[in-house]
Amino acid sequence: MVTGTACESGSAGETWTYHHPVGTCAMGPAPHRGSVVDAAGAVHGIDGLSVADASVMPEIPSANTHIPTIMIAERIAALPVTRGTGGARGPRR
């Protein structure tokens, strides 16, 4: 039987996560309040760059993230590219 420090160091070297990280790019209208992208996935302060993946999810879904990520990407890809914003996508008007 392995106990104490040997057990802890052995399990620390073999530990990994199963989940997919989400929520690392906060979505919101104001970058000064901590948001990274707007509702159309356009990155604040960088013209022409959009994020369309699981990082914009506000909460971790209780199921696999694959289908919600596809839905986010398809929704953002369907938005028209807004002229005059360096290629950033914007909501339909």
C-alpha atoms as a PDB file:
ATOM      1  CA  MET A   1       0.000   0.000   0.000  1.00  0.00           C
ATOM      2  CA  VAL A   2       1.278   3.464  -0.945  1.00  0.00           C
ATOM      3  CA  THR A   3       0.543   6.234   1.535  1.00  0.00           C
ATOM      4  CA  GLY A   4       1.308   9.876   2.232  1.00  0.00           C
ATOM      5  CA  THR A   5       3.602  11.855  -0.005  1.00  0.00           C
ATOM      6  CA  ALA A   6       4.289   8.997  -2.430  1.00  0.00           C
ATOM      7  CA  CYS A   7       0.573   8.573  -3.063  1.00  0.00           C
ATOM      8  CA  GLU A   8      -0.009  12.310  -3.536  1.00  0.00           C
ATOM      9  CA  SER A   9       2.925  12.788  -5.912  1.00  0.00           C
ATOM     10  CA  GLY A  10       1.954   9.715  -7.932  1.00  0.00           C
ATOM     11  CA  SER A  11      -1.665  10.820  -8.360  1.00  0.00           C
ATOM     12  CA  ALA A  12      -0.651  14.414  -9.166  1.00  0.00           C
ATOM     13  CA  GLY A  13       1.396  13.204 -12.134  1.00  0.00           C
ATOM     14  CA  GLU A  14      -1.506  11.128 -13.481  1.00  0.00           C
ATOM     15  CA  THR A  15      -4.378  13.577 -13.015  1.00  0.00           C
ATOM     16  CA  TRP A  16      -6.082  15.161 -16.018  1.00  0.00           C
ATOM     17  CA  THR A  17      -9.435  16.712 -16.802  1.00  0.00           C
ATOM     18  CA  TYR A  18     -12.194  15.294 -18.951  1.00  0.00           C
ATOM     19  CA  HIS A  19     -14.086  18.534 -19.505  1.00  0.00           C
ATOM     20  CA  HIS A  20     -13.573  21.088 -22.238  1.00  0.00           C
ATOM     21  CA  PRO A  21     -12.726  24.582 -20.976  1.00  0.00           C
ATOM     22  CA  VAL A  22     -15.439  27.144 -21.651  1.00  0.00           C
ATOM     23  CA  GLY A  23     -16.154  30.709 -20.606  1.00  0.00           C
ATOM     24  CA  THR A  24     -12.666  32.124 -21.078  1.00  0.00           C
ATOM     25  CA  CYS A  25     -13.827  35.002 -23.356  1.00  0.00           C
ATOM     26  CA  ALA A  26     -16.553  36.934 -21.584  1.00  0.00           C
ATOM     27  CA  MET A  27     -19.240  38.271 -23.934  1.00  0.00           C
ATOM     28  CA  GLY A  28     -20.623  41.751 -23.409  1.00  0.00           C
ATOM     29  CA  PRO A  29     -20.930  45.247 -24.811  1.00  0.00           C
ATOM     30  CA  ALA A  30     -18.276  46.954 -22.677  1.00  0.00           C
ATOM     31  CA  PRO A  31     -14.641  45.798 -22.646  1.00  0.00           C
ATOM     32  CA  HIS A  32     -13.889  47.955 -19.602  1.00  0.00           C
ATOM     33  CA  ARG A  33     -16.269  45.701 -17.639  1.00  0.00           C
ATOM     34  CA  GLY A  34     -14.243  42.611 -18.490  1.00  0.00           C
ATOM     35  CA  SER A  35     -15.876  41.414 -21.703  1.00  0.00           C
ATOM     36  CA  VAL A  36     -13.633  40.208 -24.499  1.00  0.00           C
ATOM     37  CA  VAL A  37     -16.162  39.904 -27.349  1.00  0.00           C
ATOM     38  CA  ASP A  38     -19.478  41.518 -28.262  1.00  0.00           C
ATOM     39  CA  ALA A  39     -22.736  39.675 -29.014  1.00  0.00           C
ATOM     40  CA  ALA A  40     -21.573  39.051 -32.596  1.00  0.00           C
ATOM     41  CA  GLY A  41     -18.313  37.439 -31.467  1.00  0.00           C
ATOM     42  CA  ALA A  42     -16.165  40.416 -32.545  1.00  0.00           C
ATOM     43  CA  VAL A  43     -13.153  40.895 -30.278  1.00  0.00           C
ATOM     44  CA  HIS A  44     -13.141  44.324 -28.642  1.00  0.00           C
ATOM     45  CA  GLY A  45     -10.277  46.484 -29.899  1.00  0.00           C
ATOM     46  CA  ILE A  46      -9.137  44.187 -32.738  1.00  0.00           C
ATOM     47  CA  ASP A  47     -10.819  44.880 -36.068  1.00  0.00           C
ATOM     48  CA  GLY A  48     -11.657  41.849 -38.160  1.00  0.00           C
ATOM     49  CA  LEU A  49     -11.156  39.235 -35.422  1.00  0.00           C
ATOM     50  CA  SER A  50     -14.078  37.150 -34.175  1.00  0.00           C
ATOM     51  CA  VAL A  51     -14.325  34.318 -31.663  1.00  0.00           C
ATOM     52  CA  ALA A  52     -16.845  31.587 -32.412  1.00  0.00           C
ATOM     53  CA  ASP A  53     -16.144  28.711 -30.038  1.00  0.00           C
ATOM     54  CA  ALA A  54     -16.889  27.395 -26.540  1.00  0.00           C
ATOM     55  CA  SER A  55     -14.878  30.165 -24.908  1.00  0.00           C
ATOM     56  CA  VAL A  56     -17.861  32.549 -25.245  1.00  0.00           C
ATOM     57  CA  MET A  57     -20.244  30.253 -23.334  1.00  0.00           C
ATOM     58  CA  PRO A  58     -21.192  31.955 -20.052  1.00  0.00           C
ATOM     59  CA  GLU A  59     -21.673  28.656 -18.223  1.00  0.00           C
ATOM     60  CA  ILE A  60     -20.459  25.088 -18.678  1.00  0.00           C
ATOM     61  CA  PRO A  61     -23.272  22.984 -20.173  1.00  0.00           C
ATOM     62  CA  SER A  62     -24.267  19.843 -18.293  1.00  0.00           C
ATOM     63  CA  ALA A  63     -23.619  17.789 -21.433  1.00  0.00           C
ATOM     64  CA  ASN A  64     -20.822  17.657 -23.996  1.00  0.00           C
ATOM     65  CA  THR A  65     -19.848  21.035 -25.458  1.00  0.00           C
ATOM     66  CA  HIS A  66     -19.599  19.848 -29.070  1.00  0.00           C
ATOM     67  CA  ILE A  67     -23.130  20.621 -30.322  1.00  0.00           C
ATOM     68  CA  PRO A  68     -23.471  23.983 -28.505  1.00  0.00           C
ATOM     69  CA  THR A  69     -20.087  25.010 -29.944  1.00  0.00           C
ATOM     70  CA  ILE A  70     -21.269  24.166 -33.455  1.00  0.00           C
ATOM     71  CA  MET A  71     -24.426  26.211 -32.847  1.00  0.00           C
ATOM     72  CA  ILE A  72     -22.382  29.218 -31.662  1.00  0.00           C
ATOM     73  CA  ALA A  73     -20.038  28.992 -34.649  1.00  0.00           C
ATOM     74  CA  GLU A  74     -22.899  28.676 -37.151  1.00  0.00           C
ATOM     75  CA  ARG A  75     -24.753  31.607 -35.597  1.00  0.00           C
ATOM     76  CA  ILE A  76     -21.725  33.901 -35.675  1.00  0.00           C
ATOM     77  CA  ALA A  77     -20.778  32.743 -39.195  1.00  0.00           C
ATOM     78  CA  ALA A  78     -24.314  33.592 -40.384  1.00  0.00           C
ATOM     79  CA  LEU A  79     -23.983  37.230 -39.278  1.00  0.00           C
ATOM     80  CA  PRO A  80     -23.149  39.592 -42.119  1.00  0.00           C
ATOM     81  CA  VAL A  81     -19.746  41.240 -42.168  1.00  0.00           C
ATOM     82  CA  THR A  82     -20.319  44.881 -41.223  1.00  0.00           C
ATOM     83  CA  ARG A  83     -18.641  47.384 -43.517  1.00  0.00           C
ATOM     84  CA  GLY A  84     -16.390  49.990 -41.968  1.00  0.00           C
ATOM     85  CA  THR A  85     -15.456  47.893 -38.939  1.00  0.00           C
ATOM     86  CA  GLY A  86     -12.447  46.141 -40.416  1.00  0.00           C
ATOM     87  CA  GLY A  87     -14.481  43.061 -41.281  1.00  0.00           C
ATOM     88  CA  ALA A  88     -16.060  42.516 -37.871  1.00  0.00           C
ATOM     89  CA  ARG A  89     -19.429  40.832 -37.930  1.00  0.00           C
ATOM     90  CA  GLY A  90     -22.455  42.634 -36.631  1.00  0.00           C
ATOM     91  CA  PRO A  91     -26.092  41.899 -35.896  1.00  0.00           C
ATOM     92  CA  ARG A  92     -28.547  42.030 -38.764  1.00  0.00           C
ATOM     93  CA  ARG A  93     -30.314  45.338 -39.032  1.00  0.00           C
END
